[in-house]
Amino acid sequence: MVQLTLYTTEMGDHEQDGEAIELAFSKKKIEARKNWLRQFEPGTYLDQKEKVIKYSDFVNKELILFSMADLQRSIPSMVDGLKPGITWCLESASRSKSMEQHLLWLRTRL
């Protein structure tokens, strides 16, 4: 309860936190989010030793890492039109003999 009281008494100090959360999740801030992702600098990380982390620091240093990884997983390759996860599944399945057995089983059922 003490932390909530401190947070609400210092509400002006936390304005950036609200803006950062809105930037990350609001449907109205799509263009701003695109610019936020374009300005991403690899190697920017949150200091894990800190006991208190601002929401804006979390959004701009940790959540952006998730957003970039999610973006890379979501966009199909220009080479084959497949997303990285599907490509990985197909490659690993084609390496196994069980895939050949499964295809043979499917052919006999059709």
PDB file of N, CA and C in Angstrom:
ATOM      1  N   MET A   1       0.820  -1.191   0.000  1.00  0.00           N
ATOM      2  CA  MET A   1       0.000   0.000   0.000  1.00  0.00           C
ATOM      3  C   MET A   1       0.865   1.256   0.000  1.00  0.00           C
ATOM      4  N   VAL A   2       2.000   1.169   0.670  1.00  0.00           N
ATOM      5  CA  VAL A   2       2.905   2.315   0.732  1.00  0.00           C
ATOM      6  C   VAL A   2       3.427   2.645  -0.661  1.00  0.00           C
ATOM      7  N   GLN A   3       3.751   1.605  -1.446  1.00  0.00           N
ATOM      8  CA  GLN A   3       4.261   1.833  -2.792  1.00  0.00           C
ATOM      9  C   GLN A   3       3.211   2.496  -3.671  1.00  0.00           C
ATOM     10  N   LEU A   4       1.957   2.097  -3.529  1.00  0.00           N
ATOM     11  CA  LEU A   4       0.879   2.705  -4.302  1.00  0.00           C
ATOM     12  C   LEU A   4       0.735   4.166  -3.932  1.00  0.00           C
ATOM     13  N   THR A   5       0.825   4.479  -2.664  1.00  0.00           N
ATOM     14  CA  THR A   5       0.723   5.864  -2.214  1.00  0.00           C
ATOM     15  C   THR A   5       1.870   6.690  -2.781  1.00  0.00           C
ATOM     16  N   LEU A   6       3.073   6.150  -2.741  1.00  0.00           N
ATOM     17  CA  LEU A   6       4.216   6.855  -3.309  1.00  0.00           C
ATOM     18  C   LEU A   6       4.047   7.062  -4.807  1.00  0.00           C
ATOM     19  N   TYR A   7       3.555   6.046  -5.489  1.00  0.00           N
ATOM     20  CA  TYR A   7       3.376   6.130  -6.937  1.00  0.00           C
ATOM     21  C   TYR A   7       2.361   7.212  -7.289  1.00  0.00           C
ATOM     22  N   THR A   8       1.246   7.243  -6.573  1.00  0.00           N
ATOM     23  CA  THR A   8       0.198   8.216  -6.889  1.00  0.00           C
ATOM     24  C   THR A   8       0.595   9.628  -6.491  1.00  0.00           C
ATOM     25  N   THR A   9       1.404   9.801  -5.453  1.00  0.00           N
ATOM     26  CA  THR A   9       1.831  11.148  -5.077  1.00  0.00           C
ATOM     27  C   THR A   9       2.855  11.697  -6.057  1.00  0.00           C
ATOM     28  N   GLU A  10       3.571  10.831  -6.723  1.00  0.00           N
ATOM     29  CA  GLU A  10       4.568  11.253  -7.700  1.00  0.00           C
ATOM     30  C   GLU A  10       4.078  10.970  -9.120  1.00  0.00           C
ATOM     31  N   MET A  11       2.797  11.196  -9.362  1.00  0.00           N
ATOM     32  CA  MET A  11       2.184  10.841 -10.642  1.00  0.00           C
ATOM     33  C   MET A  11       2.838  11.570 -11.816  1.00  0.00           C
ATOM     34  N   GLY A  12       3.257  12.788 -11.621  1.00  0.00           N
ATOM     35  CA  GLY A  12       3.903  13.531 -12.699  1.00  0.00           C
ATOM     36  C   GLY A  12       5.198  12.887 -13.154  1.00  0.00           C
ATOM     37  N   ASP A  13       5.889  12.238 -12.230  1.00  0.00           N
ATOM     38  CA  ASP A  13       7.147  11.571 -12.570  1.00  0.00           C
ATOM     39  C   ASP A  13       6.923  10.334 -13.433  1.00  0.00           C
ATOM     40  N   HIS A  14       5.712   9.803 -13.419  1.00  0.00           N
ATOM     41  CA  HIS A  14       5.425   8.547 -14.113  1.00  0.00           C
ATOM     42  C   HIS A  14       4.662   8.749 -15.424  1.00  0.00           C
ATOM     43  N   GLU A  15       4.629   9.979 -15.909  1.00  0.00           N
ATOM     44  CA  GLU A  15       3.916  10.259 -17.152  1.00  0.00           C
ATOM     45  C   GLU A  15       4.535   9.506 -18.323  1.00  0.00           C
ATOM     46  N   GLN A  16       5.859   9.428 -18.345  1.00  0.00           N
ATOM     47  CA  GLN A  16       6.548   8.711 -19.422  1.00  0.00           C
ATOM     48  C   GLN A  16       6.202   7.231 -19.405  1.00  0.00           C
ATOM     49  N   ASP A  17       5.953   6.689 -18.218  1.00  0.00           N
ATOM     50  CA  ASP A  17       5.602   5.275 -18.112  1.00  0.00           C
ATOM     51  C   ASP A  17       4.301   4.990 -18.850  1.00  0.00           C
ATOM     52  N   GLY A  18       3.304   5.826 -18.629  1.00  0.00           N
ATOM     53  CA  GLY A  18       2.015   5.653 -19.296  1.00  0.00           C
ATOM     54  C   GLY A  18       2.133   5.793 -20.800  1.00  0.00           C
ATOM     55  N   GLU A  19       2.945   6.754 -21.230  1.00  0.00           N
ATOM     56  CA  GLU A  19       3.145   6.959 -22.665  1.00  0.00           C
ATOM     57  C   GLU A  19       3.847   5.754 -23.293  1.00  0.00           C
ATOM     58  N   ALA A  20       4.802   5.182 -22.578  1.00  0.00           N
ATOM     59  CA  ALA A  20       5.527   4.016 -23.099  1.00  0.00           C
ATOM     60  C   ALA A  20       4.607   2.810 -23.217  1.00  0.00           C
ATOM     61  N   ILE A  21       3.767   2.599 -22.221  1.00  0.00           N
ATOM     62  CA  ILE A  21       2.823   1.476 -22.265  1.00  0.00           C
ATOM     63  C   ILE A  21       1.808   1.686 -23.381  1.00  0.00           C
ATOM     64  N   GLU A  22       1.351   2.920 -23.536  1.00  0.00           N
ATOM     65  CA  GLU A  22       0.403   3.216 -24.615  1.00  0.00           C
ATOM     66  C   GLU A  22       1.059   3.006 -25.976  1.00  0.00           C
ATOM     67  N   LEU A  23       2.303   3.408 -26.112  1.00  0.00           N
ATOM     68  CA  LEU A  23       3.032   3.202 -27.364  1.00  0.00           C
ATOM     69  C   LEU A  23       3.129   1.720 -27.702  1.00  0.00           C
ATOM     70  N   ALA A  24       3.399   0.907 -26.708  1.00  0.00           N
ATOM     71  CA  ALA A  24       3.605  -0.523 -26.942  1.00  0.00           C
ATOM     72  C   ALA A  24       2.320  -1.273 -27.254  1.00  0.00           C
ATOM     73  N   PHE A  25       1.182  -0.847 -26.699  1.00  0.00           N
ATOM     74  CA  PHE A  25      -0.026  -1.665 -26.795  1.00  0.00           C
ATOM     75  C   PHE A  25      -1.236  -1.008 -27.462  1.00  0.00           C
ATOM     76  N   SER A  26      -1.237   0.294 -27.642  1.00  0.00           N
ATOM     77  CA  SER A  26      -2.421   0.971 -28.168  1.00  0.00           C
ATOM     78  C   SER A  26      -2.593   0.726 -29.668  1.00  0.00           C
ATOM     79  N   LYS A  27      -3.821   0.471 -30.065  1.00  0.00           N
ATOM     80  CA  LYS A  27      -4.120   0.293 -31.487  1.00  0.00           C
ATOM     81  C   LYS A  27      -4.064   1.625 -32.227  1.00  0.00           C
ATOM     82  N   LYS A  28      -4.139   2.718 -31.497  1.00  0.00           N
ATOM     83  CA  LYS A  28      -4.102   4.048 -32.106  1.00  0.00           C
ATOM     84  C   LYS A  28      -2.673   4.504 -32.412  1.00  0.00           C
ATOM     85  N   LYS A  29      -1.693   3.829 -31.867  1.00  0.00           N
ATOM     86  CA  LYS A  29      -0.297   4.262 -31.997  1.00  0.00           C
ATOM     87  C   LYS A  29       0.508   3.355 -32.932  1.00  0.00           C
ATOM     88  N   ILE A  30      -0.107   2.859 -33.977  1.00  0.00           N
ATOM     89  CA  ILE A  30       0.569   1.922 -34.880  1.00  0.00           C
ATOM     90  C   ILE A  30       1.774   2.572 -35.566  1.00  0.00           C
ATOM     91  N   GLU A  31       1.593   3.770 -36.101  1.00  0.00           N
ATOM     92  CA  GLU A  31       2.692   4.445 -36.799  1.00  0.00           C
ATOM     93  C   GLU A  31       3.826   4.788 -35.838  1.00  0.00           C
ATOM     94  N   ALA A  32       3.484   5.236 -34.644  1.00  0.00           N
ATOM     95  CA  ALA A  32       4.513   5.547 -33.642  1.00  0.00           C
ATOM     96  C   ALA A  32       5.268   4.283 -33.245  1.00  0.00           C
ATOM     97  N   ARG A  33       4.546   3.155 -33.167  1.00  0.00           N
ATOM     98  CA  ARG A  33       5.184   1.887 -32.817  1.00  0.00           C
ATOM     99  C   ARG A  33       6.139   1.442 -33.928  1.00  0.00           C
ATOM    100  N   LYS A  34       5.771   1.685 -35.192  1.00  0.00           N
ATOM    101  CA  LYS A  34       6.669   1.348 -36.305  1.00  0.00           C
ATOM    102  C   LYS A  34       7.964   2.151 -36.203  1.00  0.00           C
ATOM    103  N   ASN A  35       7.836   3.440 -35.908  1.00  0.00           N
ATOM    104  CA  ASN A  35       9.029   4.280 -35.748  1.00  0.00           C
ATOM    105  C   ASN A  35       9.861   3.829 -34.549  1.00  0.00           C
ATOM    106  N   TRP A  36       9.178   3.443 -33.470  1.00  0.00           N
ATOM    107  CA  TRP A  36       9.852   2.942 -32.267  1.00  0.00           C
ATOM    108  C   TRP A  36      10.682   1.708 -32.609  1.00  0.00           C
ATOM    109  N   LEU A  37      10.127   0.806 -33.407  1.00  0.00           N
ATOM    110  CA  LEU A  37      10.850  -0.405 -33.800  1.00  0.00           C
ATOM    111  C   LEU A  37      11.991  -0.092 -34.767  1.00  0.00           C
ATOM    112  N   ARG A  38      11.796   0.903 -35.634  1.00  0.00           N
ATOM    113  CA  ARG A  38      12.863   1.287 -36.569  1.00  0.00           C
ATOM    114  C   ARG A  38      14.069   1.866 -35.829  1.00  0.00           C
ATOM    115  N   GLN A  39      13.811   2.535 -34.712  1.00  0.00           N
ATOM    116  CA  GLN A  39      14.884   3.184 -33.956  1.00  0.00           C
ATOM    117  C   GLN A  39      15.569   2.231 -32.975  1.00  0.00           C
ATOM    118  N   PHE A  40      15.206   0.974 -33.012  1.00  0.00           N
ATOM    119  CA  PHE A  40      15.797  -0.018 -32.110  1.00  0.00           C
ATOM    120  C   PHE A  40      17.295  -0.129 -32.354  1.00  0.00           C
ATOM    121  N   GLU A  41      18.058  -0.096 -31.278  1.00  0.00           N
ATOM    122  CA  GLU A  41      19.503  -0.253 -31.361  1.00  0.00           C
ATOM    123  C   GLU A  41      19.896  -1.566 -30.693  1.00  0.00           C
ATOM    124  N   PRO A  42      20.422  -2.521 -31.446  1.00  0.00           N
ATOM    125  CA  PRO A  42      20.856  -3.785 -30.837  1.00  0.00           C
ATOM    126  C   PRO A  42      21.908  -3.526 -29.756  1.00  0.00           C
ATOM    127  N   GLY A  43      21.849  -4.302 -28.712  1.00  0.00           N
ATOM    128  CA  GLY A  43      22.802  -4.146 -27.624  1.00  0.00           C
ATOM    129  C   GLY A  43      22.278  -3.301 -26.472  1.00  0.00           C
ATOM    130  N   THR A  44      21.051  -2.808 -26.593  1.00  0.00           N
ATOM    131  CA  THR A  44      20.438  -2.041 -25.512  1.00  0.00           C
ATOM    132  C   THR A  44      19.662  -3.000 -24.628  1.00  0.00           C
ATOM    133  N   TYR A  45      20.123  -3.155 -23.400  1.00  0.00           N
ATOM    134  CA  TYR A  45      19.486  -4.097 -22.484  1.00  0.00           C
ATOM    135  C   TYR A  45      19.175  -3.422 -21.159  1.00  0.00           C
ATOM    136  N   LEU A  46      18.259  -4.001 -20.448  1.00  0.00           N
ATOM    137  CA  LEU A  46      17.890  -3.539 -19.119  1.00  0.00           C
ATOM    138  C   LEU A  46      18.890  -4.088 -18.110  1.00  0.00           C
ATOM    139  N   ASP A  47      19.297  -3.260 -17.168  1.00  0.00           N
ATOM    140  CA  ASP A  47      20.216  -3.707 -16.125  1.00  0.00           C
ATOM    141  C   ASP A  47      19.456  -4.598 -15.153  1.00  0.00           C
ATOM    142  N   GLN A  48      19.786  -5.873 -15.147  1.00  0.00           N
ATOM    143  CA  GLN A  48      19.068  -6.852 -14.325  1.00  0.00           C
ATOM    144  C   GLN A  48      19.381  -6.721 -12.839  1.00  0.00           C
ATOM    145  N   LYS A  49      20.402  -5.953 -12.494  1.00  0.00           N
ATOM    146  CA  LYS A  49      20.780  -5.804 -11.093  1.00  0.00           C
ATOM    147  C   LYS A  49      19.932  -4.766 -10.359  1.00  0.00           C
ATOM    148  N   GLU A  50      19.234  -3.929 -11.107  1.00  0.00           N
ATOM    149  CA  GLU A  50      18.404  -2.901 -10.476  1.00  0.00           C
ATOM    150  C   GLU A  50      17.212  -3.542  -9.784  1.00  0.00           C
ATOM    151  N   LYS A  51      16.885  -3.027  -8.610  1.00  0.00           N
ATOM    152  CA  LYS A  51      15.746  -3.564  -7.862  1.00  0.00           C
ATOM    153  C   LYS A  51      14.444  -2.907  -8.286  1.00  0.00           C
ATOM    154  N   VAL A  52      14.516  -1.654  -8.719  1.00  0.00           N
ATOM    155  CA  VAL A  52      13.325  -0.922  -9.159  1.00  0.00           C
ATOM    156  C   VAL A  52      13.522  -0.562 -10.624  1.00  0.00           C
ATOM    157  N   ILE A  53      12.538  -0.912 -11.434  1.00  0.00           N
ATOM    158  CA  ILE A  53      12.611  -0.660 -12.872  1.00  0.00           C
ATOM    159  C   ILE A  53      11.407   0.179 -13.275  1.00  0.00           C
ATOM    160  N   LYS A  54      11.664   1.242 -14.015  1.00  0.00           N
ATOM    161  CA  LYS A  54      10.561   2.060 -14.520  1.00  0.00           C
ATOM    162  C   LYS A  54       9.878   1.310 -15.660  1.00  0.00           C
ATOM    163  N   TYR A  55       8.578   1.524 -15.787  1.00  0.00           N
ATOM    164  CA  TYR A  55       7.844   0.898 -16.883  1.00  0.00           C
ATOM    165  C   TYR A  55       8.415   1.332 -18.225  1.00  0.00           C
ATOM    166  N   SER A  56       8.768   2.603 -18.344  1.00  0.00           N
ATOM    167  CA  SER A  56       9.298   3.087 -19.622  1.00  0.00           C
ATOM    168  C   SER A  56      10.617   2.390 -19.968  1.00  0.00           C
ATOM    169  N   ASP A  57      11.463   2.142 -18.957  1.00  0.00           N
ATOM    170  CA  ASP A  57      12.705   1.406 -19.219  1.00  0.00           C
ATOM    171  C   ASP A  57      12.411  -0.026 -19.647  1.00  0.00           C
ATOM    172  N   PHE A  58      11.453  -0.656 -18.986  1.00  0.00           N
ATOM    173  CA  PHE A  58      11.091  -2.024 -19.359  1.00  0.00           C
ATOM    174  C   PHE A  58      10.586  -2.074 -20.798  1.00  0.00           C
ATOM    175  N   VAL A  59       9.699  -1.147 -21.147  1.00  0.00           N
ATOM    176  CA  VAL A  59       9.124  -1.132 -22.498  1.00  0.00           C
ATOM    177  C   VAL A  59      10.203  -0.858 -23.537  1.00  0.00           C
ATOM    178  N   ASN A  60      11.059   0.128 -23.279  1.00  0.00           N
ATOM    179  CA  ASN A  60      12.041   0.550 -24.278  1.00  0.00           C
ATOM    180  C   ASN A  60      13.291  -0.320 -24.345  1.00  0.00           C
ATOM    181  N   LYS A  61      13.516  -1.159 -23.336  1.00  0.00           N
ATOM    182  CA  LYS A  61      14.726  -1.979 -23.346  1.00  0.00           C
ATOM    183  C   LYS A  61      14.462  -3.480 -23.379  1.00  0.00           C
ATOM    184  N   GLU A  62      13.342  -3.936 -22.847  1.00  0.00           N
ATOM    185  CA  GLU A  62      13.046  -5.369 -22.823  1.00  0.00           C
ATOM    186  C   GLU A  62      11.905  -5.731 -23.771  1.00  0.00           C
ATOM    187  N   LEU A  63      10.805  -5.009 -23.682  1.00  0.00           N
ATOM    188  CA  LEU A  63       9.653  -5.322 -24.529  1.00  0.00           C
ATOM    189  C   LEU A  63       9.984  -5.122 -26.002  1.00  0.00           C
ATOM    190  N   ILE A  64      10.849  -4.178 -26.290  1.00  0.00           N
ATOM    191  CA  ILE A  64      11.236  -3.959 -27.687  1.00  0.00           C
ATOM    192  C   ILE A  64      12.005  -5.167 -28.231  1.00  0.00           C
ATOM    193  N   LEU A  65      12.750  -5.858 -27.374  1.00  0.00           N
ATOM    194  CA  LEU A  65      13.440  -7.083 -27.812  1.00  0.00           C
ATOM    195  C   LEU A  65      12.431  -8.150 -28.212  1.00  0.00           C
ATOM    196  N   PHE A  66      11.379  -8.308 -27.395  1.00  0.00           N
ATOM    197  CA  PHE A  66      10.320  -9.258 -27.732  1.00  0.00           C
ATOM    198  C   PHE A  66       9.628  -8.843 -29.023  1.00  0.00           C
ATOM    199  N   SER A  67       9.349  -7.552 -29.161  1.00  0.00           N
ATOM    200  CA  SER A  67       8.649  -7.063 -30.353  1.00  0.00           C
ATOM    201  C   SER A  67       9.466  -7.302 -31.614  1.00  0.00           C
ATOM    202  N   MET A  68      10.772  -7.096 -31.541  1.00  0.00           N
ATOM    203  CA  MET A  68      11.628  -7.337 -32.705  1.00  0.00           C
ATOM    204  C   MET A  68      11.670  -8.826 -33.051  1.00  0.00           C
ATOM    205  N   ALA A  69      11.791  -9.671 -32.045  1.00  0.00           N
ATOM    206  CA  ALA A  69      11.808 -11.120 -32.293  1.00  0.00           C
ATOM    207  C   ALA A  69      10.473 -11.584 -32.859  1.00  0.00           C
ATOM    208  N   ASP A  70       9.386 -11.046 -32.333  1.00  0.00           N
ATOM    209  CA  ASP A  70       8.054 -11.395 -32.823  1.00  0.00           C
ATOM    210  C   ASP A  70       7.889 -10.957 -34.270  1.00  0.00           C
ATOM    211  N   LEU A  71       8.401  -9.790 -34.589  1.00  0.00           N
ATOM    212  CA  LEU A  71       8.329  -9.278 -35.954  1.00  0.00           C
ATOM    213  C   LEU A  71       9.098 -10.185 -36.909  1.00  0.00           C
ATOM    214  N   GLN A  72      10.270 -10.638 -36.495  1.00  0.00           N
ATOM    215  CA  GLN A  72      11.068 -11.532 -37.341  1.00  0.00           C
ATOM    216  C   GLN A  72      10.377 -12.875 -37.545  1.00  0.00           C
ATOM    217  N   ARG A  73       9.673 -13.352 -36.520  1.00  0.00           N
ATOM    218  CA  ARG A  73       8.959 -14.634 -36.643  1.00  0.00           C
ATOM    219  C   ARG A  73       7.696 -14.501 -37.487  1.00  0.00           C
ATOM    220  N   SER A  74       7.143 -13.302 -37.569  1.00  0.00           N
ATOM    221  CA  SER A  74       5.844 -13.106 -38.211  1.00  0.00           C
ATOM    222  C   SER A  74       5.922 -12.819 -39.702  1.00  0.00           C
ATOM    223  N   ILE A  75       7.073 -12.419 -40.190  1.00  0.00           N
ATOM    224  CA  ILE A  75       7.188 -12.019 -41.592  1.00  0.00           C
ATOM    225  C   ILE A  75       7.727 -13.184 -42.419  1.00  0.00           C
ATOM    226  N   PRO A  76       7.008 -13.586 -43.467  1.00  0.00           N
ATOM    227  CA  PRO A  76       7.477 -14.676 -44.331  1.00  0.00           C
ATOM    228  C   PRO A  76       8.737 -14.282 -45.105  1.00  0.00           C
ATOM    229  N   SER A  77       9.527 -15.262 -45.435  1.00  0.00           N
ATOM    230  CA  SER A  77      10.746 -15.048 -46.201  1.00  0.00           C
ATOM    231  C   SER A  77      10.400 -14.705 -47.647  1.00  0.00           C
ATOM    232  N   MET A  78      11.214 -13.851 -48.255  1.00  0.00           N
ATOM    233  CA  MET A  78      10.996 -13.529 -49.666  1.00  0.00           C
ATOM    234  C   MET A  78      11.442 -14.687 -50.553  1.00  0.00           C
ATOM    235  N   VAL A  79      12.291 -15.554 -50.045  1.00  0.00           N
ATOM    236  CA  VAL A  79      12.822 -16.667 -50.831  1.00  0.00           C
ATOM    237  C   VAL A  79      11.762 -17.737 -51.048  1.00  0.00           C
ATOM    238  N   ASP A  80      11.151 -18.218 -49.955  1.00  0.00           N
ATOM    239  CA  ASP A  80      10.201 -19.321 -50.086  1.00  0.00           C
ATOM    240  C   ASP A  80       8.784 -18.980 -49.621  1.00  0.00           C
ATOM    241  N   GLY A  81       8.579 -17.794 -49.074  1.00  0.00           N
ATOM    242  CA  GLY A  81       7.245 -17.394 -48.635  1.00  0.00           C
ATOM    243  C   GLY A  81       6.812 -18.011 -47.318  1.00  0.00           C
ATOM    244  N   LEU A  82       7.742 -18.653 -46.615  1.00  0.00           N
ATOM    245  CA  LEU A  82       7.414 -19.308 -45.349  1.00  0.00           C
ATOM    246  C   LEU A  82       7.996 -18.528 -44.177  1.00  0.00           C
ATOM    247  N   LYS A  83       7.309 -18.607 -43.050  1.00  0.00           N
ATOM    248  CA  LYS A  83       7.814 -17.992 -41.827  1.00  0.00           C
ATOM    249  C   LYS A  83       8.924 -18.875 -41.266  1.00  0.00           C
ATOM    250  N   PRO A  84       9.843 -18.310 -40.483  1.00  0.00           N
ATOM    251  CA  PRO A  84      10.980 -19.089 -39.969  1.00  0.00           C
ATOM    252  C   PRO A  84      10.579 -20.346 -39.203  1.00  0.00           C
ATOM    253  N   GLY A  85       9.523 -20.301 -38.422  1.00  0.00           N
ATOM    254  CA  GLY A  85       9.097 -21.476 -37.652  1.00  0.00           C
ATOM    255  C   GLY A  85       8.657 -22.620 -38.543  1.00  0.00           C
ATOM    256  N   ILE A  86       7.927 -22.302 -39.598  1.00  0.00           N
ATOM    257  CA  ILE A  86       7.461 -23.329 -40.534  1.00  0.00           C
ATOM    258  C   ILE A  86       8.648 -23.904 -41.300  1.00  0.00           C
ATOM    259  N   THR A  87       9.573 -23.029 -41.706  1.00  0.00           N
ATOM    260  CA  THR A  87      10.767 -23.488 -42.410  1.00  0.00           C
ATOM    261  C   THR A  87      11.549 -24.468 -41.545  1.00  0.00           C
ATOM    262  N   TRP A  88      11.719 -24.133 -40.265  1.00  0.00           N
ATOM    263  CA  TRP A  88      12.445 -25.009 -39.343  1.00  0.00           C
ATOM    264  C   TRP A  88      11.742 -26.360 -39.217  1.00  0.00           C
ATOM    265  N   CYS A  89      10.415 -26.341 -39.083  1.00  0.00           N
ATOM    266  CA  CYS A  89       9.654 -27.595 -38.954  1.00  0.00           C
ATOM    267  C   CYS A  89       9.807 -28.463 -40.197  1.00  0.00           C
ATOM    268  N   LEU A  90       9.693 -27.853 -41.363  1.00  0.00           N
ATOM    269  CA  LEU A  90       9.814 -28.619 -42.605  1.00  0.00           C
ATOM    270  C   LEU A  90      11.217 -29.190 -42.781  1.00  0.00           C
ATOM    271  N   GLU A  91      12.237 -28.390 -42.450  1.00  0.00           N
ATOM    272  CA  GLU A  91      13.611 -28.879 -42.577  1.00  0.00           C
ATOM    273  C   GLU A  91      13.881 -30.040 -41.628  1.00  0.00           C
ATOM    274  N   SER A  92      13.432 -29.919 -40.391  1.00  0.00           N
ATOM    275  CA  SER A  92      13.686 -31.009 -39.441  1.00  0.00           C
ATOM    276  C   SER A  92      12.858 -32.242 -39.787  1.00  0.00           C
ATOM    277  N   ALA A  93      11.660 -32.045 -40.309  1.00  0.00           N
ATOM    278  CA  ALA A  93      10.836 -33.190 -40.696  1.00  0.00           C
ATOM    279  C   ALA A  93      11.421 -33.900 -41.913  1.00  0.00           C
ATOM    280  N   SER A  94      11.985 -33.133 -42.839  1.00  0.00           N
ATOM    281  CA  SER A  94      12.542 -33.762 -44.042  1.00  0.00           C
ATOM    282  C   SER A  94      13.808 -34.552 -43.724  1.00  0.00           C
ATOM    283  N   ARG A  95      14.480 -34.218 -42.626  1.00  0.00           N
ATOM    284  CA  ARG A  95      15.687 -34.948 -42.234  1.00  0.00           C
ATOM    285  C   ARG A  95      15.382 -36.276 -41.556  1.00  0.00           C
ATOM    286  N   SER A  96      14.188 -36.418 -41.044  1.00  0.00           N
ATOM    287  CA  SER A  96      13.887 -37.645 -40.293  1.00  0.00           C
ATOM    288  C   SER A  96      13.251 -38.698 -41.194  1.00  0.00           C
ATOM    289  N   LYS A  97      13.518 -39.949 -40.883  1.00  0.00           N
ATOM    290  CA  LYS A  97      12.939 -41.053 -41.647  1.00  0.00           C
ATOM    291  C   LYS A  97      11.459 -41.198 -41.340  1.00  0.00           C
ATOM    292  N   SER A  98      11.059 -40.745 -40.177  1.00  0.00           N
ATOM    293  CA  SER A  98       9.647 -40.873 -39.819  1.00  0.00           C
ATOM    294  C   SER A  98       8.766 -40.041 -40.750  1.00  0.00           C
ATOM    295  N   MET A  99       9.323 -38.967 -41.322  1.00  0.00           N
ATOM    296  CA  MET A  99       8.562 -38.158 -42.270  1.00  0.00           C
ATOM    297  C   MET A  99       8.250 -38.990 -43.511  1.00  0.00           C
ATOM    298  N   GLU A 100       9.236 -39.737 -43.976  1.00  0.00           N
ATOM    299  CA  GLU A 100       9.010 -40.592 -45.142  1.00  0.00           C
ATOM    300  C   GLU A 100       7.958 -41.650 -44.824  1.00  0.00           C
ATOM    301  N   GLN A 101       8.028 -42.205 -43.629  1.00  0.00           N
ATOM    302  CA  GLN A 101       7.040 -43.201 -43.218  1.00  0.00           C
ATOM    303  C   GLN A 101       5.652 -42.577 -43.118  1.00  0.00           C
ATOM    304  N   HIS A 102       5.590 -41.361 -42.600  1.00  0.00           N
ATOM    305  CA  HIS A 102       4.304 -40.677 -42.465  1.00  0.00           C
ATOM    306  C   HIS A 102       3.698 -40.388 -43.840  1.00  0.00           C
ATOM    307  N   LEU A 103       4.523 -39.937 -44.781  1.00  0.00           N
ATOM    308  CA  LEU A 103       4.024 -39.668 -46.129  1.00  0.00           C
ATOM    309  C   LEU A 103       3.534 -40.947 -46.796  1.00  0.00           C
ATOM    310  N   LEU A 104       4.249 -42.040 -46.600  1.00  0.00           N
ATOM    311  CA  LEU A 104       3.828 -43.326 -47.138  1.00  0.00           C
ATOM    312  C   LEU A 104       2.485 -43.740 -46.536  1.00  0.00           C
ATOM    313  N   TRP A 105       2.323 -43.548 -45.244  1.00  0.00           N
ATOM    314  CA  TRP A 105       1.071 -43.865 -44.565  1.00  0.00           C
ATOM    315  C   TRP A 105      -0.072 -43.013 -45.121  1.00  0.00           C
ATOM    316  N   LEU A 106       0.204 -41.724 -45.358  1.00  0.00           N
ATOM    317  CA  LEU A 106      -0.826 -40.841 -45.912  1.00  0.00           C
ATOM    318  C   LEU A 106      -1.240 -41.290 -47.313  1.00  0.00           C
ATOM    319  N   ARG A 107      -0.272 -41.693 -48.127  1.00  0.00           N
ATOM    320  CA  ARG A 107      -0.578 -42.122 -49.490  1.00  0.00           C
ATOM    321  C   ARG A 107      -1.440 -43.383 -49.499  1.00  0.00           C
ATOM    322  N   THR A 108      -1.212 -44.273 -48.566  1.00  0.00           N
ATOM    323  CA  THR A 108      -2.008 -45.500 -48.525  1.00  0.00           C
ATOM    324  C   THR A 108      -3.432 -45.228 -48.047  1.00  0.00           C
ATOM    325  N   ARG A 109      -3.644 -44.147 -47.332  1.00  0.00           N
ATOM    326  CA  ARG A 109      -4.975 -43.816 -46.812  1.00  0.00           C
ATOM    327  C   ARG A 109      -5.825 -43.053 -47.825  1.00  0.00           C
ATOM    328  N   LEU A 110      -5.206 -42.471 -48.826  1.00  0.00           N
ATOM    329  CA  LEU A 110      -5.964 -41.666 -49.804  1.00  0.00           C
ATOM    330  C   LEU A 110      -6.570 -42.492 -50.895  1.00  0.00           C
TER     331      LEU A 110
END
